[in-house]
Amino acid sequence: MKREIGSEFWDIPLCDRENELFPASVKWFLSGRIALKYIIMDAGIRSVSMPEWCCDSMVLPFLENGVTVRFYSGTPSTDTDALFIMDYFGFTEQSQVPAGYRGTVIRDMTHSIFSKEYDDADYYFGSLRKWAGFKTGGFAYGSWKKSLEVAECDETYISLRTTAMRGKKAFISGRTDDKSYLDVFRSANERLKQLGICAGSAEDIYAARHLDINFIKEKRRENAKVLMDRVGCMFSLKENDCPLFVPIITEDRDELQKYFIGHQVYCPAHWPRNSLKDRELSLICDHRYDIADMERVCNIIADFREGKK
């Protein structure tokens, strides 16, 4: 089995028992971005305050629907129709709704879905594709106002994702050295950008309701602790936190990221250049890996530092 760390998922950890992660009002979509589009259309807002570190995929749905976006750093602005809030990387209680705010609150649960159950928003949404091998995985729930049209799941997109995941699994298992599956993943992502409001797949809905949450949390917390003890982290690990990644701050982020790639470790940088977080690098800690893999990541960082002396 190849010891590549990171990049696209190829499996979903399931259990026989149905979990209680999602309420009855949940709706399923191809992606988190599409779920957010649906919320924007349902809420009918004209302006929104967003954290300045939101990625483009979260900002664009507002702009595409004619919503004015105002960015905030630290304390959220309260002079807009809506407020967009989120916790980063599964480390909770970073964001709070300002006391007395009367607008529409939209909470992005993508990073915190396994860490905390919030009750401070009108709408909640996220993407399970960040956590496991979902082909779709977008979800949204809240106080719905309208009954909007949702197209059926796009079979072309599903076919591309299925083919790509099979290719990744074959590569990881050592059955092939062919990495052309990466091109198929890219084709799937391009297809996704072209689609409107589409439903998630029945297979993924079943998987979402049968996720092995305990396994996911235990593995991620165990792996994260190894990284945090040796390398550090931007945040502290609270009792119920389930880390999506372990984010570190480093002055030579791009150089370290390239060094990782040379050792078949693929750590994303989640915040863009020219932002206050342009030194952030996200270390992998997910359920596909064990403590030995985390030690390998730490040793690669140590070797990189030693080589720069």
C-alpha atoms as a PDB file:
ATOM      1  CA  MET A   1       0.000   0.000   0.000  1.00  0.00           C
ATOM      2  CA  LYS A   2       1.384   3.400  -0.998  1.00  0.00           C
ATOM      3  CA  ARG A   3       1.946   5.830   1.842  1.00  0.00           C
ATOM      4  CA  GLU A   4       0.757   8.966   0.107  1.00  0.00           C
ATOM      5  CA  ILE A   5      -0.810  11.305   2.671  1.00  0.00           C
ATOM      6  CA  GLY A   6      -3.608  13.714   1.757  1.00  0.00           C
ATOM      7  CA  SER A   7      -5.321  14.661  -1.500  1.00  0.00           C
ATOM      8  CA  GLU A   8      -8.701  13.237  -2.545  1.00  0.00           C
ATOM      9  CA  PHE A   9     -10.643  10.680  -0.487  1.00  0.00           C
ATOM     10  CA  TRP A  10     -11.685   7.288  -1.804  1.00  0.00           C
ATOM     11  CA  ASP A  11     -13.802   5.809   1.010  1.00  0.00           C
ATOM     12  CA  ILE A  12     -16.384   6.607   3.702  1.00  0.00           C
ATOM     13  CA  PRO A  13     -16.243   5.047   7.203  1.00  0.00           C
ATOM     14  CA  LEU A  14     -19.737   3.664   7.885  1.00  0.00           C
ATOM     15  CA  CYS A  15     -21.504   1.852  10.705  1.00  0.00           C
ATOM     16  CA  ASP A  16     -24.737  -0.164  10.835  1.00  0.00           C
ATOM     17  CA  ARG A  17     -26.522   2.201  13.196  1.00  0.00           C
ATOM     18  CA  GLU A  18     -28.081   5.401  11.836  1.00  0.00           C
ATOM     19  CA  ASN A  19     -26.656   8.537  13.445  1.00  0.00           C
ATOM     20  CA  GLU A  20     -28.635  11.588  14.554  1.00  0.00           C
ATOM     21  CA  LEU A  21     -26.376  14.165  12.970  1.00  0.00           C
ATOM     22  CA  PHE A  22     -29.001  15.832  10.750  1.00  0.00           C
ATOM     23  CA  PRO A  23     -32.498  17.150  11.610  1.00  0.00           C
ATOM     24  CA  ALA A  24     -35.703  16.331   9.759  1.00  0.00           C
ATOM     25  CA  SER A  25     -35.567  19.633   7.843  1.00  0.00           C
ATOM     26  CA  VAL A  26     -32.271  18.782   6.111  1.00  0.00           C
ATOM     27  CA  LYS A  27     -32.025  19.049   2.334  1.00  0.00           C
ATOM     28  CA  TRP A  28     -29.274  17.359   0.309  1.00  0.00           C
ATOM     29  CA  PHE A  29     -27.303  18.866  -2.563  1.00  0.00           C
ATOM     30  CA  LEU A  30     -24.365  18.122  -4.867  1.00  0.00           C
ATOM     31  CA  SER A  31     -22.069  20.420  -2.886  1.00  0.00           C
ATOM     32  CA  GLY A  32     -21.865  22.834   0.004  1.00  0.00           C
ATOM     33  CA  ARG A  33     -21.698  25.724  -2.437  1.00  0.00           C
ATOM     34  CA  ILE A  34     -24.977  24.660  -4.033  1.00  0.00           C
ATOM     35  CA  ALA A  35     -26.511  24.251  -0.562  1.00  0.00           C
ATOM     36  CA  LEU A  36     -25.528  27.854   0.197  1.00  0.00           C
ATOM     37  CA  LYS A  37     -27.069  29.040  -3.092  1.00  0.00           C
ATOM     38  CA  TYR A  38     -30.341  27.417  -2.086  1.00  0.00           C
ATOM     39  CA  ILE A  39     -30.262  29.173   1.304  1.00  0.00           C
ATOM     40  CA  ILE A  40     -29.587  32.559  -0.310  1.00  0.00           C
ATOM     41  CA  MET A  41     -32.539  32.111  -2.659  1.00  0.00           C
ATOM     42  CA  ASP A  42     -34.796  31.000   0.194  1.00  0.00           C
ATOM     43  CA  ALA A  43     -33.783  33.814   2.563  1.00  0.00           C
ATOM     44  CA  GLY A  44     -34.146  36.642   0.018  1.00  0.00           C
ATOM     45  CA  ILE A  45     -31.350  38.746   1.524  1.00  0.00           C
ATOM     46  CA  ARG A  46     -29.755  41.844  -0.032  1.00  0.00           C
ATOM     47  CA  SER A  47     -26.542  42.202   1.990  1.00  0.00           C
ATOM     48  CA  VAL A  48     -24.336  39.962   4.135  1.00  0.00           C
ATOM     49  CA  SER A  49     -21.397  40.320   6.514  1.00  0.00           C
ATOM     50  CA  MET A  50     -18.746  37.606   6.078  1.00  0.00           C
ATOM     51  CA  PRO A  51     -15.390  36.787   7.729  1.00  0.00           C
ATOM     52  CA  GLU A  52     -12.560  38.212   5.657  1.00  0.00           C
ATOM     53  CA  TRP A  53     -10.930  34.760   5.446  1.00  0.00           C
ATOM     54  CA  CYS A  54     -13.828  33.023   3.677  1.00  0.00           C
ATOM     55  CA  CYS A  55     -12.756  31.182   0.537  1.00  0.00           C
ATOM     56  CA  ASP A  56     -14.035  32.314  -2.873  1.00  0.00           C
ATOM     57  CA  SER A  57     -16.449  29.377  -3.143  1.00  0.00           C
ATOM     58  CA  MET A  58     -18.441  30.801  -0.222  1.00  0.00           C
ATOM     59  CA  VAL A  59     -18.375  34.416  -1.413  1.00  0.00           C
ATOM     60  CA  LEU A  60     -19.344  33.799  -5.051  1.00  0.00           C
ATOM     61  CA  PRO A  61     -22.858  32.403  -4.366  1.00  0.00           C
ATOM     62  CA  PHE A  62     -23.770  35.718  -2.711  1.00  0.00           C
ATOM     63  CA  LEU A  63     -22.284  37.833  -5.512  1.00  0.00           C
ATOM     64  CA  GLU A  64     -23.937  35.682  -8.189  1.00  0.00           C
ATOM     65  CA  ASN A  65     -27.299  36.323  -6.542  1.00  0.00           C
ATOM     66  CA  GLY A  66     -26.820  40.096  -6.371  1.00  0.00           C
ATOM     67  CA  VAL A  67     -26.083  40.202  -2.623  1.00  0.00           C
ATOM     68  CA  THR A  68     -23.760  42.933  -1.362  1.00  0.00           C
ATOM     69  CA  VAL A  69     -20.858  41.421   0.629  1.00  0.00           C
ATOM     70  CA  ARG A  70     -19.127  43.242   3.486  1.00  0.00           C
ATOM     71  CA  PHE A  71     -16.158  41.594   5.154  1.00  0.00           C
ATOM     72  CA  TYR A  72     -15.347  41.759   8.830  1.00  0.00           C
ATOM     73  CA  SER A  73     -12.317  40.916  10.961  1.00  0.00           C
ATOM     74  CA  GLY A  74     -12.904  39.923  14.569  1.00  0.00           C
ATOM     75  CA  THR A  75     -16.337  41.103  15.698  1.00  0.00           C
ATOM     76  CA  PRO A  76     -18.996  40.615  12.989  1.00  0.00           C
ATOM     77  CA  SER A  77     -20.685  43.625  11.428  1.00  0.00           C
ATOM     78  CA  THR A  78     -24.373  44.059  12.265  1.00  0.00           C
ATOM     79  CA  ASP A  79     -25.471  46.542   9.571  1.00  0.00           C
ATOM     80  CA  THR A  80     -26.454  43.932   6.968  1.00  0.00           C
ATOM     81  CA  ASP A  81     -29.515  41.802   6.249  1.00  0.00           C
ATOM     82  CA  ALA A  82     -27.567  38.633   6.976  1.00  0.00           C
ATOM     83  CA  LEU A  83     -24.578  37.435   8.947  1.00  0.00           C
ATOM     84  CA  PHE A  84     -22.364  34.559   7.797  1.00  0.00           C
ATOM     85  CA  ILE A  85     -20.429  32.834  10.599  1.00  0.00           C
ATOM     86  CA  MET A  86     -18.267  29.743  10.948  1.00  0.00           C
ATOM     87  CA  ASP A  87     -15.655  28.002  13.074  1.00  0.00           C
ATOM     88  CA  TYR A  88     -12.434  26.975  11.345  1.00  0.00           C
ATOM     89  CA  PHE A  89     -10.903  23.490  11.122  1.00  0.00           C
ATOM     90  CA  GLY A  90     -13.210  21.864  13.694  1.00  0.00           C
ATOM     91  CA  PHE A  91     -11.922  23.986  16.586  1.00  0.00           C
ATOM     92  CA  THR A  92     -15.078  25.439  18.097  1.00  0.00           C
ATOM     93  CA  GLU A  93     -16.355  28.618  19.713  1.00  0.00           C
ATOM     94  CA  GLN A  94     -14.412  30.966  17.463  1.00  0.00           C
ATOM     95  CA  SER A  95     -17.564  32.695  16.218  1.00  0.00           C
ATOM     96  CA  GLN A  96     -20.583  34.145  17.991  1.00  0.00           C
ATOM     97  CA  VAL A  97     -23.682  35.997  16.889  1.00  0.00           C
ATOM     98  CA  PRO A  98     -23.540  39.558  18.268  1.00  0.00           C
ATOM     99  CA  ALA A  99     -26.077  40.200  21.029  1.00  0.00           C
ATOM    100  CA  GLY A 100     -29.205  41.877  19.702  1.00  0.00           C
ATOM    101  CA  TYR A 101     -28.569  41.061  16.040  1.00  0.00           C
ATOM    102  CA  ARG A 102     -31.969  40.767  14.287  1.00  0.00           C
ATOM    103  CA  GLY A 103     -30.955  39.826  10.742  1.00  0.00           C
ATOM    104  CA  THR A 104     -30.725  36.401   9.123  1.00  0.00           C
ATOM    105  CA  VAL A 105     -27.902  34.252  10.516  1.00  0.00           C
ATOM    106  CA  ILE A 106     -26.267  31.660   8.234  1.00  0.00           C
ATOM    107  CA  ARG A 107     -23.811  29.283   9.894  1.00  0.00           C
ATOM    108  CA  ASP A 108     -21.314  27.303   7.811  1.00  0.00           C
ATOM    109  CA  MET A 109     -21.013  23.908   9.537  1.00  0.00           C
ATOM    110  CA  THR A 110     -18.496  22.436   7.094  1.00  0.00           C
ATOM    111  CA  HIS A 111     -15.607  22.578   9.562  1.00  0.00           C
ATOM    112  CA  SER A 112     -17.529  22.040  12.804  1.00  0.00           C
ATOM    113  CA  ILE A 113     -20.186  19.438  11.912  1.00  0.00           C
ATOM    114  CA  PHE A 114     -18.603  16.777  14.156  1.00  0.00           C
ATOM    115  CA  SER A 115     -17.556  19.140  16.942  1.00  0.00           C
ATOM    116  CA  LYS A 116     -20.598  21.033  18.149  1.00  0.00           C
ATOM    117  CA  GLU A 117     -24.357  21.300  17.670  1.00  0.00           C
ATOM    118  CA  TYR A 118     -25.176  24.998  17.316  1.00  0.00           C
ATOM    119  CA  ASP A 119     -28.608  26.589  17.754  1.00  0.00           C
ATOM    120  CA  ASP A 120     -27.797  30.235  17.010  1.00  0.00           C
ATOM    121  CA  ALA A 121     -28.671  30.502  13.298  1.00  0.00           C
ATOM    122  CA  ASP A 122     -31.632  30.594  10.929  1.00  0.00           C
ATOM    123  CA  TYR A 123     -29.843  28.390   8.381  1.00  0.00           C
ATOM    124  CA  TYR A 124     -27.058  25.826   8.583  1.00  0.00           C
ATOM    125  CA  PHE A 125     -25.147  24.248   5.701  1.00  0.00           C
ATOM    126  CA  GLY A 126     -21.923  22.467   4.851  1.00  0.00           C
ATOM    127  CA  SER A 127     -20.093  19.872   2.793  1.00  0.00           C
ATOM    128  CA  LEU A 128     -19.186  16.329   3.805  1.00  0.00           C
ATOM    129  CA  ARG A 129     -16.763  16.030   0.878  1.00  0.00           C
ATOM    130  CA  LYS A 130     -14.173  17.719   3.084  1.00  0.00           C
ATOM    131  CA  TRP A 131     -14.367  14.807   5.544  1.00  0.00           C
ATOM    132  CA  ALA A 132     -14.650  11.579   3.544  1.00  0.00           C
ATOM    133  CA  GLY A 133     -15.208  10.078   0.100  1.00  0.00           C
ATOM    134  CA  PHE A 134     -18.585  11.603  -0.699  1.00  0.00           C
ATOM    135  CA  LYS A 135     -19.363  12.204  -4.339  1.00  0.00           C
ATOM    136  CA  THR A 136     -21.920  14.860  -3.361  1.00  0.00           C
ATOM    137  CA  GLY A 137     -22.412  15.587   0.369  1.00  0.00           C
ATOM    138  CA  GLY A 138     -23.838  19.119   0.421  1.00  0.00           C
ATOM    139  CA  PHE A 139     -26.437  19.648   3.166  1.00  0.00           C
ATOM    140  CA  ALA A 140     -28.591  22.499   4.477  1.00  0.00           C
ATOM    141  CA  TYR A 141     -31.273  22.846   7.125  1.00  0.00           C
ATOM    142  CA  GLY A 142     -33.120  25.576   8.973  1.00  0.00           C
ATOM    143  CA  SER A 143     -36.316  27.631   8.897  1.00  0.00           C
ATOM    144  CA  TRP A 144     -37.314  27.239   5.255  1.00  0.00           C
ATOM    145  CA  LYS A 145     -39.568  29.926   3.756  1.00  0.00           C
ATOM    146  CA  LYS A 146     -40.082  28.692   0.202  1.00  0.00           C
ATOM    147  CA  SER A 147     -40.371  25.517  -1.836  1.00  0.00           C
ATOM    148  CA  LEU A 148     -37.703  25.978  -4.484  1.00  0.00           C
ATOM    149  CA  GLU A 149     -37.105  23.746  -7.464  1.00  0.00           C
ATOM    150  CA  VAL A 150     -34.222  21.288  -7.144  1.00  0.00           C
ATOM    151  CA  ALA A 151     -32.966  19.349 -10.173  1.00  0.00           C
ATOM    152  CA  GLU A 152     -32.177  15.658  -9.940  1.00  0.00           C
ATOM    153  CA  CYS A 153     -28.667  14.521  -9.110  1.00  0.00           C
ATOM    154  CA  ASP A 154     -26.334  14.975 -12.096  1.00  0.00           C
ATOM    155  CA  GLU A 155     -25.331  11.494 -13.277  1.00  0.00           C
ATOM    156  CA  THR A 156     -22.410  12.731 -15.387  1.00  0.00           C
ATOM    157  CA  TYR A 157     -20.821  14.325 -12.337  1.00  0.00           C
ATOM    158  CA  ILE A 158     -21.473  11.205 -10.230  1.00  0.00           C
ATOM    159  CA  SER A 159     -19.891   9.015 -12.914  1.00  0.00           C
ATOM    160  CA  LEU A 160     -16.764  11.175 -13.017  1.00  0.00           C
ATOM    161  CA  ARG A 161     -16.367  11.160  -9.229  1.00  0.00           C
ATOM    162  CA  THR A 162     -16.947   7.396  -9.084  1.00  0.00           C
ATOM    163  CA  THR A 163     -14.315   6.739 -11.744  1.00  0.00           C
ATOM    164  CA  ALA A 164     -11.832   9.064 -10.043  1.00  0.00           C
ATOM    165  CA  MET A 165     -12.297   7.464  -6.615  1.00  0.00           C
ATOM    166  CA  ARG A 166     -11.841   3.986  -8.033  1.00  0.00           C
ATOM    167  CA  GLY A 167      -8.619   5.152  -9.645  1.00  0.00           C
ATOM    168  CA  LYS A 168      -7.384   6.667  -6.390  1.00  0.00           C
ATOM    169  CA  LYS A 169      -8.196   3.471  -4.484  1.00  0.00           C
ATOM    170  CA  ALA A 170      -6.348   1.366  -7.059  1.00  0.00           C
ATOM    171  CA  PHE A 171      -3.312   3.640  -6.783  1.00  0.00           C
ATOM    172  CA  ILE A 172      -3.286   3.675  -2.964  1.00  0.00           C
ATOM    173  CA  SER A 173      -3.680  -0.113  -2.786  1.00  0.00           C
ATOM    174  CA  GLY A 174      -0.661  -0.545  -5.048  1.00  0.00           C
ATOM    175  CA  ARG A 175      -2.533  -2.166  -7.923  1.00  0.00           C
ATOM    176  CA  THR A 176      -1.366   0.531 -10.324  1.00  0.00           C
ATOM    177  CA  ASP A 177       1.017   3.486 -10.593  1.00  0.00           C
ATOM    178  CA  ASP A 178      -1.393   5.334 -12.886  1.00  0.00           C
ATOM    179  CA  LYS A 179      -2.390   8.732 -11.449  1.00  0.00           C
ATOM    180  CA  SER A 180      -4.665   9.765 -14.322  1.00  0.00           C
ATOM    181  CA  TYR A 181      -7.517   9.718 -11.782  1.00  0.00           C
ATOM    182  CA  LEU A 182      -6.362  13.220 -10.801  1.00  0.00           C
ATOM    183  CA  ASP A 183      -7.459  14.487 -14.237  1.00  0.00           C
ATOM    184  CA  VAL A 184     -10.855  12.839 -13.704  1.00  0.00           C
ATOM    185  CA  PHE A 185     -11.241  14.595 -10.345  1.00  0.00           C
ATOM    186  CA  ARG A 186     -10.465  17.887 -12.098  1.00  0.00           C
ATOM    187  CA  SER A 187     -13.055  17.146 -14.779  1.00  0.00           C
ATOM    188  CA  ALA A 188     -15.631  16.420 -12.070  1.00  0.00           C
ATOM    189  CA  ASN A 189     -14.870  19.730 -10.368  1.00  0.00           C
ATOM    190  CA  GLU A 190     -15.219  21.601 -13.650  1.00  0.00           C
ATOM    191  CA  ARG A 191     -18.560  19.877 -14.251  1.00  0.00           C
ATOM    192  CA  LEU A 192     -19.725  20.881 -10.774  1.00  0.00           C
ATOM    193  CA  LYS A 193     -19.040  24.563 -11.475  1.00  0.00           C
ATOM    194  CA  GLN A 194     -21.456  24.445 -14.419  1.00  0.00           C
ATOM    195  CA  LEU A 195     -24.407  22.979 -12.519  1.00  0.00           C
ATOM    196  CA  GLY A 196     -27.319  24.736 -10.860  1.00  0.00           C
ATOM    197  CA  ILE A 197     -29.352  23.647  -7.841  1.00  0.00           C
ATOM    198  CA  CYS A 198     -29.025  19.845  -7.955  1.00  0.00           C
ATOM    199  CA  ALA A 199     -29.876  17.242  -5.326  1.00  0.00           C
ATOM    200  CA  GLY A 200     -27.342  14.978  -3.653  1.00  0.00           C
ATOM    201  CA  SER A 201     -27.177  11.280  -4.490  1.00  0.00           C
ATOM    202  CA  ALA A 202     -29.263   8.688  -2.636  1.00  0.00           C
ATOM    203  CA  GLU A 203     -26.068   6.728  -1.946  1.00  0.00           C
ATOM    204  CA  ASP A 204     -24.481   9.723  -0.228  1.00  0.00           C
ATOM    205  CA  ILE A 205     -27.621  10.519   1.769  1.00  0.00           C
ATOM    206  CA  TYR A 206     -27.566   6.977   3.144  1.00  0.00           C
ATOM    207  CA  ALA A 207     -23.833   7.272   3.883  1.00  0.00           C
ATOM    208  CA  ALA A 208     -24.303  10.610   5.663  1.00  0.00           C
ATOM    209  CA  ARG A 209     -26.894   9.051   7.965  1.00  0.00           C
ATOM    210  CA  HIS A 210     -24.626   6.068   8.671  1.00  0.00           C
ATOM    211  CA  LEU A 211     -21.284   7.811   9.143  1.00  0.00           C
ATOM    212  CA  ASP A 212     -19.190   6.212  11.876  1.00  0.00           C
ATOM    213  CA  ILE A 213     -18.890   9.449  13.812  1.00  0.00           C
ATOM    214  CA  ASN A 214     -17.135   7.928  16.833  1.00  0.00           C
ATOM    215  CA  PHE A 215     -14.433   6.424  14.624  1.00  0.00           C
ATOM    216  CA  ILE A 216     -13.944   9.681  12.738  1.00  0.00           C
ATOM    217  CA  LYS A 217     -13.632  11.711  15.935  1.00  0.00           C
ATOM    218  CA  GLU A 218     -11.353   9.260  17.728  1.00  0.00           C
ATOM    219  CA  LYS A 219      -8.926   8.914  14.813  1.00  0.00           C
ATOM    220  CA  ARG A 220      -8.793  12.615  14.057  1.00  0.00           C
ATOM    221  CA  ARG A 221      -8.308  13.630  17.686  1.00  0.00           C
ATOM    222  CA  GLU A 222      -5.639  10.967  18.183  1.00  0.00           C
ATOM    223  CA  ASN A 223      -3.774  12.024  15.043  1.00  0.00           C
ATOM    224  CA  ALA A 224      -4.164  15.729  15.772  1.00  0.00           C
ATOM    225  CA  LYS A 225      -2.690  15.370  19.261  1.00  0.00           C
ATOM    226  CA  VAL A 226       0.501  13.866  17.824  1.00  0.00           C
ATOM    227  CA  LEU A 227       0.902  16.795  15.434  1.00  0.00           C
ATOM    228  CA  MET A 228      -0.008  19.417  18.027  1.00  0.00           C
ATOM    229  CA  ASP A 229       2.384  18.030  20.627  1.00  0.00           C
ATOM    230  CA  ARG A 230       5.348  18.061  18.249  1.00  0.00           C
ATOM    231  CA  VAL A 231       4.589  20.868  15.805  1.00  0.00           C
ATOM    232  CA  GLY A 232       1.975  23.100  17.440  1.00  0.00           C
ATOM    233  CA  CYS A 233      -1.290  24.518  16.111  1.00  0.00           C
ATOM    234  CA  MET A 234      -3.147  27.806  15.672  1.00  0.00           C
ATOM    235  CA  PHE A 235      -5.814  26.590  18.125  1.00  0.00           C
ATOM    236  CA  SER A 236      -6.160  24.508  21.269  1.00  0.00           C
ATOM    237  CA  LEU A 237      -8.067  21.208  21.198  1.00  0.00           C
ATOM    238  CA  LYS A 238     -11.223  21.400  23.329  1.00  0.00           C
ATOM    239  CA  GLU A 239     -12.947  18.339  24.757  1.00  0.00           C
ATOM    240  CA  ASN A 240     -15.389  17.745  21.886  1.00  0.00           C
ATOM    241  CA  ASP A 241     -13.448  19.243  18.990  1.00  0.00           C
ATOM    242  CA  CYS A 242     -13.026  17.069  15.896  1.00  0.00           C
ATOM    243  CA  PRO A 243     -10.213  18.586  13.788  1.00  0.00           C
ATOM    244  CA  LEU A 244     -10.652  18.866  10.043  1.00  0.00           C
ATOM    245  CA  PHE A 245      -6.958  19.739   9.776  1.00  0.00           C
ATOM    246  CA  VAL A 246      -4.241  20.899  12.143  1.00  0.00           C
ATOM    247  CA  PRO A 247      -3.419  24.433  10.930  1.00  0.00           C
ATOM    248  CA  ILE A 248       0.075  25.768  11.609  1.00  0.00           C
ATOM    249  CA  ILE A 249       1.646  29.155  10.970  1.00  0.00           C
ATOM    250  CA  THR A 250       5.011  29.144   9.218  1.00  0.00           C
ATOM    251  CA  GLU A 251       7.033  31.941   7.597  1.00  0.00           C
ATOM    252  CA  ASP A 252       8.084  29.646   4.731  1.00  0.00           C
ATOM    253  CA  ARG A 253       4.713  28.112   3.945  1.00  0.00           C
ATOM    254  CA  ASP A 254       5.143  27.725   0.188  1.00  0.00           C
ATOM    255  CA  GLU A 255       8.610  26.224   0.537  1.00  0.00           C
ATOM    256  CA  LEU A 256       7.460  23.740   3.181  1.00  0.00           C
ATOM    257  CA  GLN A 257       4.405  22.818   1.110  1.00  0.00           C
ATOM    258  CA  LYS A 258       6.639  21.989  -1.874  1.00  0.00           C
ATOM    259  CA  TYR A 259       8.940  19.961   0.377  1.00  0.00           C
ATOM    260  CA  PHE A 260       5.940  17.961   1.572  1.00  0.00           C
ATOM    261  CA  ILE A 261       4.868  17.276  -2.019  1.00  0.00           C
ATOM    262  CA  GLY A 262       8.344  15.895  -2.715  1.00  0.00           C
ATOM    263  CA  HIS A 263       7.664  13.381   0.053  1.00  0.00           C
ATOM    264  CA  GLN A 264       4.133  12.516  -1.177  1.00  0.00           C
ATOM    265  CA  VAL A 265       2.365  14.520   1.527  1.00  0.00           C
ATOM    266  CA  TYR A 266      -0.281  16.933   0.245  1.00  0.00           C
ATOM    267  CA  CYS A 267      -1.129  19.649   2.758  1.00  0.00           C
ATOM    268  CA  PRO A 268      -3.425  22.424   1.505  1.00  0.00           C
ATOM    269  CA  ALA A 269      -3.103  26.112   2.308  1.00  0.00           C
ATOM    270  CA  HIS A 270      -6.620  27.293   3.107  1.00  0.00           C
ATOM    271  CA  TRP A 271      -6.128  31.034   3.156  1.00  0.00           C
ATOM    272  CA  PRO A 272      -4.911  33.047   0.168  1.00  0.00           C
ATOM    273  CA  ARG A 273      -1.792  35.100  -0.205  1.00  0.00           C
ATOM    274  CA  ASN A 274      -1.913  38.740   0.855  1.00  0.00           C
ATOM    275  CA  SER A 275      -4.241  37.977   3.753  1.00  0.00           C
ATOM    276  CA  LEU A 276      -3.505  38.060   7.458  1.00  0.00           C
ATOM    277  CA  LYS A 277      -3.346  34.272   7.341  1.00  0.00           C
ATOM    278  CA  ASP A 278      -0.996  33.899   4.377  1.00  0.00           C
ATOM    279  CA  ARG A 279       1.425  31.854   6.501  1.00  0.00           C
ATOM    280  CA  GLU A 280      -1.115  29.090   7.271  1.00  0.00           C
ATOM    281  CA  LEU A 281      -0.597  25.456   6.221  1.00  0.00           C
ATOM    282  CA  SER A 282      -3.117  22.692   7.004  1.00  0.00           C
ATOM    283  CA  LEU A 283      -1.605  19.422   8.234  1.00  0.00           C
ATOM    284  CA  ILE A 284      -3.509  16.200   7.428  1.00  0.00           C
ATOM    285  CA  CYS A 285      -4.966  14.322  10.432  1.00  0.00           C
ATOM    286  CA  ASP A 286      -7.884  12.315   9.038  1.00  0.00           C
ATOM    287  CA  HIS A 287      -9.145   8.769   9.572  1.00  0.00           C
ATOM    288  CA  ARG A 288      -7.157   7.283   6.674  1.00  0.00           C
ATOM    289  CA  TYR A 289      -3.953   7.563   8.689  1.00  0.00           C
ATOM    290  CA  ASP A 290      -2.475   6.434  11.987  1.00  0.00           C
ATOM    291  CA  ILE A 291       0.072   7.659  14.527  1.00  0.00           C
ATOM    292  CA  ALA A 292       2.991   6.371  12.441  1.00  0.00           C
ATOM    293  CA  ASP A 293       1.821   8.558   9.551  1.00  0.00           C
ATOM    294  CA  MET A 294       1.618  11.572  11.844  1.00  0.00           C
ATOM    295  CA  GLU A 295       5.137  10.903  13.102  1.00  0.00           C
ATOM    296  CA  ARG A 296       6.241  10.796   9.478  1.00  0.00           C
ATOM    297  CA  VAL A 297       4.709  14.226   8.873  1.00  0.00           C
ATOM    298  CA  CYS A 298       6.478  15.605  11.957  1.00  0.00           C
ATOM    299  CA  ASN A 299       9.806  14.095  10.865  1.00  0.00           C
ATOM    300  CA  ILE A 300       9.473  15.645   7.404  1.00  0.00           C
ATOM    301  CA  ILE A 301       9.014  19.055   9.024  1.00  0.00           C
ATOM    302  CA  ALA A 302      12.031  18.434  11.267  1.00  0.00           C
ATOM    303  CA  ASP A 303      14.163  17.432   8.265  1.00  0.00           C
ATOM    304  CA  PHE A 304      13.012  20.533   6.392  1.00  0.00           C
ATOM    305  CA  ARG A 305      13.982  22.776   9.311  1.00  0.00           C
ATOM    306  CA  GLU A 306      17.331  21.030   9.695  1.00  0.00           C
ATOM    307  CA  GLY A 307      18.076  21.488   6.016  1.00  0.00           C
ATOM    308  CA  LYS A 308      17.518  25.252   6.291  1.00  0.00           C
ATOM    309  CA  LYS A 309      20.075  25.755   9.071  1.00  0.00           C
END
